[in-house]
Each structure stands twice: as C-alpha cells, then as structure tokens.
Amino acid sequence: MSSIIAKEILGISDSHVALMNIETEINKGLKSIQDADHTLRKSIKINFIGHVEVNELLSNKTDVLICSEFIGNIT
C-alpha cells in the first residue's frame, strides 16, 4: 500500500521499500519483522531492498520504510 502511495502522490514509480530493524541481518530482530522480511522478499511487485537501522532513518536509502508500531510511535 505504501508503494502505491509513493507512486500516486510522490511520483516515485519504483519505490525502494525497507524494514526498520535493530540490525541489517535477516535473522535479527522481532519475529514479526523476520516474517515481514520473508513475505516482502517473495513479492515480485515490491522493490524490497532489505533492512535499515535507526541511524539510517534519514539516509535516503529507502522511499518507503516499514516498521513495527512501537518503533513507529517513537520515531
């Protein structure tokens, strides 16, 4: 859904999607993040680039950042 918003509102046709996590490794972090990683990697319609850490939040590595509700409330 966020990729659609990026395309329709921001004009980013092939948005880079990432998950915010405590590490960039796939097997680190909450199980929900690991499950989301697995689902996003299987999708052929989403340009999933992997994980970003909190210190990369404003780095422009990603157009769409997905995070847990707890992390989203903090940031």
PDB file of N, CA and C in Angstrom:
ATOM      1  N   MET A   1       0.812  -1.182   0.000  1.00  0.00           N
ATOM      2  CA  MET A   1       0.000   0.000   0.000  1.00  0.00           C
ATOM      3  C   MET A   1       0.870   1.267   0.000  1.00  0.00           C
ATOM      4  N   SER A   2       1.934   1.259   0.780  1.00  0.00           N
ATOM      5  CA  SER A   2       2.819   2.428   0.819  1.00  0.00           C
ATOM      6  C   SER A   2       3.497   2.668  -0.520  1.00  0.00           C
ATOM      7  N   SER A   3       3.795   1.590  -1.233  1.00  0.00           N
ATOM      8  CA  SER A   3       4.395   1.742  -2.564  1.00  0.00           C
ATOM      9  C   SER A   3       3.426   2.437  -3.511  1.00  0.00           C
ATOM     10  N   ILE A   4       2.147   2.149  -3.362  1.00  0.00           N
ATOM     11  CA  ILE A   4       1.121   2.785  -4.198  1.00  0.00           C
ATOM     12  C   ILE A   4       1.027   4.268  -3.865  1.00  0.00           C
ATOM     13  N   ILE A   5       1.070   4.593  -2.572  1.00  0.00           N
ATOM     14  CA  ILE A   5       1.043   5.996  -2.160  1.00  0.00           C
ATOM     15  C   ILE A   5       2.270   6.724  -2.696  1.00  0.00           C
ATOM     16  N   ALA A   6       3.437   6.095  -2.597  1.00  0.00           N
ATOM     17  CA  ALA A   6       4.666   6.709  -3.119  1.00  0.00           C
ATOM     18  C   ALA A   6       4.543   6.977  -4.613  1.00  0.00           C
ATOM     19  N   LYS A   7       3.908   6.066  -5.320  1.00  0.00           N
ATOM     20  CA  LYS A   7       3.762   6.232  -6.766  1.00  0.00           C
ATOM     21  C   LYS A   7       2.729   7.301  -7.103  1.00  0.00           C
ATOM     22  N   GLU A   8       1.559   7.215  -6.507  1.00  0.00           N
ATOM     23  CA  GLU A   8       0.456   8.097  -6.874  1.00  0.00           C
ATOM     24  C   GLU A   8       0.615   9.525  -6.346  1.00  0.00           C
ATOM     25  N   ILE A   9       1.134   9.670  -5.144  1.00  0.00           N
ATOM     26  CA  ILE A   9       1.226  11.004  -4.545  1.00  0.00           C
ATOM     27  C   ILE A   9       2.599  11.639  -4.753  1.00  0.00           C
ATOM     28  N   LEU A  10       3.645  10.849  -4.579  1.00  0.00           N
ATOM     29  CA  LEU A  10       5.002  11.393  -4.673  1.00  0.00           C
ATOM     30  C   LEU A  10       5.624  11.243  -6.059  1.00  0.00           C
ATOM     31  N   GLY A  11       5.005  10.444  -6.919  1.00  0.00           N
ATOM     32  CA  GLY A  11       5.520  10.250  -8.266  1.00  0.00           C
ATOM     33  C   GLY A  11       6.726   9.338  -8.348  1.00  0.00           C
ATOM     34  N   ILE A  12       6.921   8.474  -7.337  1.00  0.00           N
ATOM     35  CA  ILE A  12       8.041   7.535  -7.328  1.00  0.00           C
ATOM     36  C   ILE A  12       7.535   6.209  -7.883  1.00  0.00           C
ATOM     37  N   SER A  13       7.865   5.914  -9.126  1.00  0.00           N
ATOM     38  CA  SER A  13       7.273   4.752  -9.791  1.00  0.00           C
ATOM     39  C   SER A  13       7.811   3.415  -9.290  1.00  0.00           C
ATOM     40  N   ASP A  14       9.060   3.353  -8.911  1.00  0.00           N
ATOM     41  CA  ASP A  14       9.651   2.091  -8.449  1.00  0.00           C
ATOM     42  C   ASP A  14      10.298   2.327  -7.084  1.00  0.00           C
ATOM     43  N   SER A  15       9.454   2.540  -6.084  1.00  0.00           N
ATOM     44  CA  SER A  15       9.958   2.923  -4.762  1.00  0.00           C
ATOM     45  C   SER A  15      10.753   1.805  -4.102  1.00  0.00           C
ATOM     46  N   HIS A  16      11.786   2.203  -3.390  1.00  0.00           N
ATOM     47  CA  HIS A  16      12.603   1.272  -2.618  1.00  0.00           C
ATOM     48  C   HIS A  16      11.944   1.090  -1.252  1.00  0.00           C
ATOM     49  N   VAL A  17      11.629  -0.150  -0.910  1.00  0.00           N
ATOM     50  CA  VAL A  17      10.945  -0.474   0.339  1.00  0.00           C
ATOM     51  C   VAL A  17      11.916  -1.181   1.272  1.00  0.00           C
ATOM     52  N   ALA A  18      11.950  -0.757   2.539  1.00  0.00           N
ATOM     53  CA  ALA A  18      12.851  -1.363   3.523  1.00  0.00           C
ATOM     54  C   ALA A  18      12.124  -1.549   4.853  1.00  0.00           C
ATOM     55  N   LEU A  19      12.661  -2.445   5.645  1.00  0.00           N
ATOM     56  CA  LEU A  19      12.172  -2.667   7.005  1.00  0.00           C
ATOM     57  C   LEU A  19      13.145  -2.040   7.988  1.00  0.00           C
ATOM     58  N   MET A  20      12.627  -1.346   8.995  1.00  0.00           N
ATOM     59  CA  MET A  20      13.498  -0.843  10.045  1.00  0.00           C
ATOM     60  C   MET A  20      13.691  -1.959  11.059  1.00  0.00           C
ATOM     61  N   ASN A  21      14.947  -2.195  11.410  1.00  0.00           N
ATOM     62  CA  ASN A  21      15.271  -3.287  12.313  1.00  0.00           C
ATOM     63  C   ASN A  21      16.480  -2.891  13.163  1.00  0.00           C
ATOM     64  N   ILE A  22      16.789  -3.706  14.155  1.00  0.00           N
ATOM     65  CA  ILE A  22      17.927  -3.419  15.024  1.00  0.00           C
ATOM     66  C   ILE A  22      19.252  -3.725  14.343  1.00  0.00           C
ATOM     67  N   GLU A  23      19.241  -4.532  13.334  1.00  0.00           N
ATOM     68  CA  GLU A  23      20.421  -4.891  12.548  1.00  0.00           C
ATOM     69  C   GLU A  23      19.994  -5.046  11.096  1.00  0.00           C
ATOM     70  N   THR A  24      20.949  -5.126  10.200  1.00  0.00           N
ATOM     71  CA  THR A  24      20.612  -5.331   8.791  1.00  0.00           C
ATOM     72  C   THR A  24      20.509  -6.805   8.424  1.00  0.00           C
ATOM     73  N   GLU A  25      20.925  -7.684   9.323  1.00  0.00           N
ATOM     74  CA  GLU A  25      20.852  -9.122   9.041  1.00  0.00           C
ATOM     75  C   GLU A  25      19.401  -9.611   9.100  1.00  0.00           C
ATOM     76  N   ILE A  26      19.088 -10.564   8.232  1.00  0.00           N
ATOM     77  CA  ILE A  26      17.732 -11.089   8.114  1.00  0.00           C
ATOM     78  C   ILE A  26      17.264 -11.784   9.384  1.00  0.00           C
ATOM     79  N   ASN A  27      18.142 -12.491  10.064  1.00  0.00           N
ATOM     80  CA  ASN A  27      17.741 -13.320  11.200  1.00  0.00           C
ATOM     81  C   ASN A  27      17.768 -12.573  12.541  1.00  0.00           C
ATOM     82  N   LYS A  28      17.896 -11.259  12.528  1.00  0.00           N
ATOM     83  CA  LYS A  28      17.924 -10.456  13.754  1.00  0.00           C
ATOM     84  C   LYS A  28      16.592  -9.735  13.934  1.00  0.00           C
ATOM     85  N   GLY A  29      16.278  -9.402  15.174  1.00  0.00           N
ATOM     86  CA  GLY A  29      15.090  -8.599  15.451  1.00  0.00           C
ATOM     87  C   GLY A  29      13.872  -9.435  15.809  1.00  0.00           C
ATOM     88  N   LEU A  30      12.750  -8.745  15.910  1.00  0.00           N
ATOM     89  CA  LEU A  30      11.485  -9.381  16.285  1.00  0.00           C
ATOM     90  C   LEU A  30      11.041 -10.406  15.246  1.00  0.00           C
ATOM     91  N   LYS A  31      10.308 -11.403  15.702  1.00  0.00           N
ATOM     92  CA  LYS A  31       9.784 -12.422  14.784  1.00  0.00           C
ATOM     93  C   LYS A  31       8.866 -11.787  13.743  1.00  0.00           C
ATOM     94  N   SER A  32       8.096 -10.796  14.146  1.00  0.00           N
ATOM     95  CA  SER A  32       7.192 -10.136  13.191  1.00  0.00           C
ATOM     96  C   SER A  32       7.978  -9.458  12.068  1.00  0.00           C
ATOM     97  N   ILE A  33       9.129  -8.885  12.391  1.00  0.00           N
ATOM     98  CA  ILE A  33       9.979  -8.271  11.365  1.00  0.00           C
ATOM     99  C   ILE A  33      10.573  -9.340  10.464  1.00  0.00           C
ATOM    100  N   GLN A  34      10.996 -10.457  11.040  1.00  0.00           N
ATOM    101  CA  GLN A  34      11.537 -11.560  10.253  1.00  0.00           C
ATOM    102  C   GLN A  34      10.473 -12.127   9.315  1.00  0.00           C
ATOM    103  N   ASP A  35       9.233 -12.249   9.813  1.00  0.00           N
ATOM    104  CA  ASP A  35       8.130 -12.739   8.976  1.00  0.00           C
ATOM    105  C   ASP A  35       7.826 -11.760   7.846  1.00  0.00           C
ATOM    106  N   ALA A  36       7.823 -10.468   8.163  1.00  0.00           N
ATOM    107  CA  ALA A  36       7.578  -9.459   7.132  1.00  0.00           C
ATOM    108  C   ALA A  36       8.681  -9.497   6.075  1.00  0.00           C
ATOM    109  N   ASP A  37       9.916  -9.679   6.517  1.00  0.00           N
ATOM    110  CA  ASP A  37      11.053  -9.786   5.595  1.00  0.00           C
ATOM    111  C   ASP A  37      10.822 -10.942   4.611  1.00  0.00           C
ATOM    112  N   HIS A  38      10.427 -12.063   5.146  1.00  0.00           N
ATOM    113  CA  HIS A  38      10.188 -13.246   4.304  1.00  0.00           C
ATOM    114  C   HIS A  38       9.097 -12.961   3.269  1.00  0.00           C
ATOM    115  N   THR A  39       8.017 -12.335   3.705  1.00  0.00           N
ATOM    116  CA  THR A  39       6.904 -12.027   2.802  1.00  0.00           C
ATOM    117  C   THR A  39       7.323 -11.027   1.732  1.00  0.00           C
ATOM    118  N   LEU A  40       8.033  -9.981   2.129  1.00  0.00           N
ATOM    119  CA  LEU A  40       8.449  -8.958   1.170  1.00  0.00           C
ATOM    120  C   LEU A  40       9.454  -9.492   0.157  1.00  0.00           C
ATOM    121  N   ARG A  41      10.336 -10.378   0.592  1.00  0.00           N
ATOM    122  CA  ARG A  41      11.325 -10.957  -0.338  1.00  0.00           C
ATOM    123  C   ARG A  41      10.660 -11.815  -1.409  1.00  0.00           C
ATOM    124  N   LYS A  42       9.518 -12.419  -1.074  1.00  0.00           N
ATOM    125  CA  LYS A  42       8.804 -13.260  -2.040  1.00  0.00           C
ATOM    126  C   LYS A  42       7.992 -12.452  -3.042  1.00  0.00           C
ATOM    127  N   SER A  43       7.679 -11.222  -2.721  1.00  0.00           N
ATOM    128  CA  SER A  43       6.828 -10.405  -3.575  1.00  0.00           C
ATOM    129  C   SER A  43       7.587  -9.939  -4.818  1.00  0.00           C
ATOM    130  N   ILE A  44       6.949 -10.097  -5.967  1.00  0.00           N
ATOM    131  CA  ILE A  44       7.565  -9.619  -7.207  1.00  0.00           C
ATOM    132  C   ILE A  44       7.102  -8.197  -7.548  1.00  0.00           C
ATOM    133  N   LYS A  45       6.090  -7.701  -6.835  1.00  0.00           N
ATOM    134  CA  LYS A  45       5.553  -6.366  -7.105  1.00  0.00           C
ATOM    135  C   LYS A  45       6.170  -5.286  -6.224  1.00  0.00           C
ATOM    136  N   ILE A  46       6.944  -5.695  -5.230  1.00  0.00           N
ATOM    137  CA  ILE A  46       7.533  -4.738  -4.293  1.00  0.00           C
ATOM    138  C   ILE A  46       9.050  -4.759  -4.446  1.00  0.00           C
ATOM    139  N   ASN A  47       9.640  -3.591  -4.580  1.00  0.00           N
ATOM    140  CA  ASN A  47      11.086  -3.453  -4.719  1.00  0.00           C
ATOM    141  C   ASN A  47      11.703  -3.409  -3.316  1.00  0.00           C
ATOM    142  N   PHE A  48      11.792  -4.571  -2.687  1.00  0.00           N
ATOM    143  CA  PHE A  48      12.281  -4.676  -1.313  1.00  0.00           C
ATOM    144  C   PHE A  48      13.799  -4.685  -1.306  1.00  0.00           C
ATOM    145  N   ILE A  49      14.396  -3.748  -0.544  1.00  0.00           N
ATOM    146  CA  ILE A  49      15.858  -3.638  -0.522  1.00  0.00           C
ATOM    147  C   ILE A  49      16.481  -4.178   0.758  1.00  0.00           C
ATOM    148  N   GLY A  50      15.665  -4.654   1.688  1.00  0.00           N
ATOM    149  CA  GLY A  50      16.201  -5.232   2.922  1.00  0.00           C
ATOM    150  C   GLY A  50      15.929  -4.374   4.133  1.00  0.00           C
ATOM    151  N   HIS A  51      16.858  -4.433   5.091  1.00  0.00           N
ATOM    152  CA  HIS A  51      16.681  -3.756   6.373  1.00  0.00           C
ATOM    153  C   HIS A  51      17.523  -2.490   6.446  1.00  0.00           C
ATOM    154  N   VAL A  52      17.026  -1.530   7.207  1.00  0.00           N
ATOM    155  CA  VAL A  52      17.821  -0.364   7.571  1.00  0.00           C
ATOM    156  C   VAL A  52      17.776  -0.242   9.092  1.00  0.00           C
ATOM    157  N   GLU A  53      18.814   0.337   9.641  1.00  0.00           N
ATOM    158  CA  GLU A  53      18.871   0.559  11.078  1.00  0.00           C
ATOM    159  C   GLU A  53      18.415   1.985  11.385  1.00  0.00           C
ATOM    160  N   VAL A  54      18.154   2.247  12.643  1.00  0.00           N
ATOM    161  CA  VAL A  54      17.646   3.554  13.060  1.00  0.00           C
ATOM    162  C   VAL A  54      18.572   4.692  12.623  1.00  0.00           C
ATOM    163  N   ASN A  55      19.870   4.473  12.683  1.00  0.00           N
ATOM    164  CA  ASN A  55      20.796   5.543  12.299  1.00  0.00           C
ATOM    165  C   ASN A  55      20.750   5.844  10.801  1.00  0.00           C
ATOM    166  N   GLU A  56      20.066   5.027  10.019  1.00  0.00           N
ATOM    167  CA  GLU A  56      19.925   5.250   8.579  1.00  0.00           C
ATOM    168  C   GLU A  56      18.564   5.837   8.218  1.00  0.00           C
ATOM    169  N   LEU A  57      17.801   6.220   9.224  1.00  0.00           N
ATOM    170  CA  LEU A  57      16.440   6.700   9.024  1.00  0.00           C
ATOM    171  C   LEU A  57      16.356   7.834   8.012  1.00  0.00           C
ATOM    172  N   LEU A  58      17.266   8.772   8.059  1.00  0.00           N
ATOM    173  CA  LEU A  58      17.241   9.933   7.161  1.00  0.00           C
ATOM    174  C   LEU A  58      18.301   9.860   6.067  1.00  0.00           C
ATOM    175  N   SER A  59      18.720   8.671   5.710  1.00  0.00           N
ATOM    176  CA  SER A  59      19.826   8.491   4.763  1.00  0.00           C
ATOM    177  C   SER A  59      19.415   8.457   3.302  1.00  0.00           C
ATOM    178  N   ASN A  60      18.135   8.489   3.016  1.00  0.00           N
ATOM    179  CA  ASN A  60      17.616   8.397   1.642  1.00  0.00           C
ATOM    180  C   ASN A  60      17.900   7.063   0.978  1.00  0.00           C
ATOM    181  N   LYS A  61      18.155   6.027   1.768  1.00  0.00           N
ATOM    182  CA  LYS A  61      18.346   4.688   1.197  1.00  0.00           C
ATOM    183  C   LYS A  61      17.026   4.094   0.721  1.00  0.00           C
ATOM    184  N   THR A  62      15.936   4.561   1.309  1.00  0.00           N
ATOM    185  CA  THR A  62      14.638   3.972   1.008  1.00  0.00           C
ATOM    186  C   THR A  62      13.587   5.055   0.800  1.00  0.00           C
ATOM    187  N   ASP A  63      12.593   4.736  -0.020  1.00  0.00           N
ATOM    188  CA  ASP A  63      11.465   5.644  -0.233  1.00  0.00           C
ATOM    189  C   ASP A  63      10.315   5.312   0.720  1.00  0.00           C
ATOM    190  N   VAL A  64      10.174   4.026   1.021  1.00  0.00           N
ATOM    191  CA  VAL A  64       9.116   3.542   1.909  1.00  0.00           C
ATOM    192  C   VAL A  64       9.777   2.751   3.025  1.00  0.00           C
ATOM    193  N   LEU A  65       9.524   3.143   4.257  1.00  0.00           N
ATOM    194  CA  LEU A  65      10.099   2.463   5.415  1.00  0.00           C
ATOM    195  C   LEU A  65       8.990   1.834   6.236  1.00  0.00           C
ATOM    196  N   ILE A  66       9.103   0.536   6.453  1.00  0.00           N
ATOM    197  CA  ILE A  66       8.115  -0.200   7.236  1.00  0.00           C
ATOM    198  C   ILE A  66       8.722  -0.496   8.597  1.00  0.00           C
ATOM    199  N   CYS A  67       7.944  -0.262   9.657  1.00  0.00           N
ATOM    200  CA  CYS A  67       8.451  -0.536  10.997  1.00  0.00           C
ATOM    201  C   CYS A  67       7.310  -1.016  11.885  1.00  0.00           C
ATOM    202  N   SER A  68       7.684  -1.565  13.021  1.00  0.00           N
ATOM    203  CA  SER A  68       6.679  -2.014  13.985  1.00  0.00           C
ATOM    204  C   SER A  68       5.957  -0.807  14.564  1.00  0.00           C
ATOM    205  N   GLU A  69       4.795  -1.051  15.137  1.00  0.00           N
ATOM    206  CA  GLU A  69       4.025   0.053  15.708  1.00  0.00           C
ATOM    207  C   GLU A  69       4.759   0.743  16.840  1.00  0.00           C
ATOM    208  N   PHE A  70       5.527   0.009  17.608  1.00  0.00           N
ATOM    209  CA  PHE A  70       6.282   0.594  18.713  1.00  0.00           C
ATOM    210  C   PHE A  70       7.359   1.534  18.179  1.00  0.00           C
ATOM    211  N   ILE A  71       8.135   1.065  17.230  1.00  0.00           N
ATOM    212  CA  ILE A  71       9.194   1.884  16.643  1.00  0.00           C
ATOM    213  C   ILE A  71       8.591   3.085  15.922  1.00  0.00           C
ATOM    214  N   GLY A  72       7.489   2.866  15.229  1.00  0.00           N
ATOM    215  CA  GLY A  72       6.831   3.964  14.518  1.00  0.00           C
ATOM    216  C   GLY A  72       6.366   5.060  15.452  1.00  0.00           C
ATOM    217  N   ASN A  73       5.893   4.695  16.623  1.00  0.00           N
ATOM    218  CA  ASN A  73       5.456   5.699  17.589  1.00  0.00           C
ATOM    219  C   ASN A  73       6.624   6.478  18.164  1.00  0.00           C
ATOM    220  N   ILE A  74       7.764   5.843  18.300  1.00  0.00           N
ATOM    221  CA  ILE A  74       8.942   6.515  18.845  1.00  0.00           C
ATOM    222  C   ILE A  74       9.542   7.478  17.833  1.00  0.00           C
ATOM    223  N   THR A  75       9.636   7.036  16.568  1.00  0.00           N
ATOM    224  CA  THR A  75      10.281   7.878  15.566  1.00  0.00           C
ATOM    225  C   THR A  75       9.355   8.971  15.135  1.00  0.00           C
TER     226      THR A  75
END
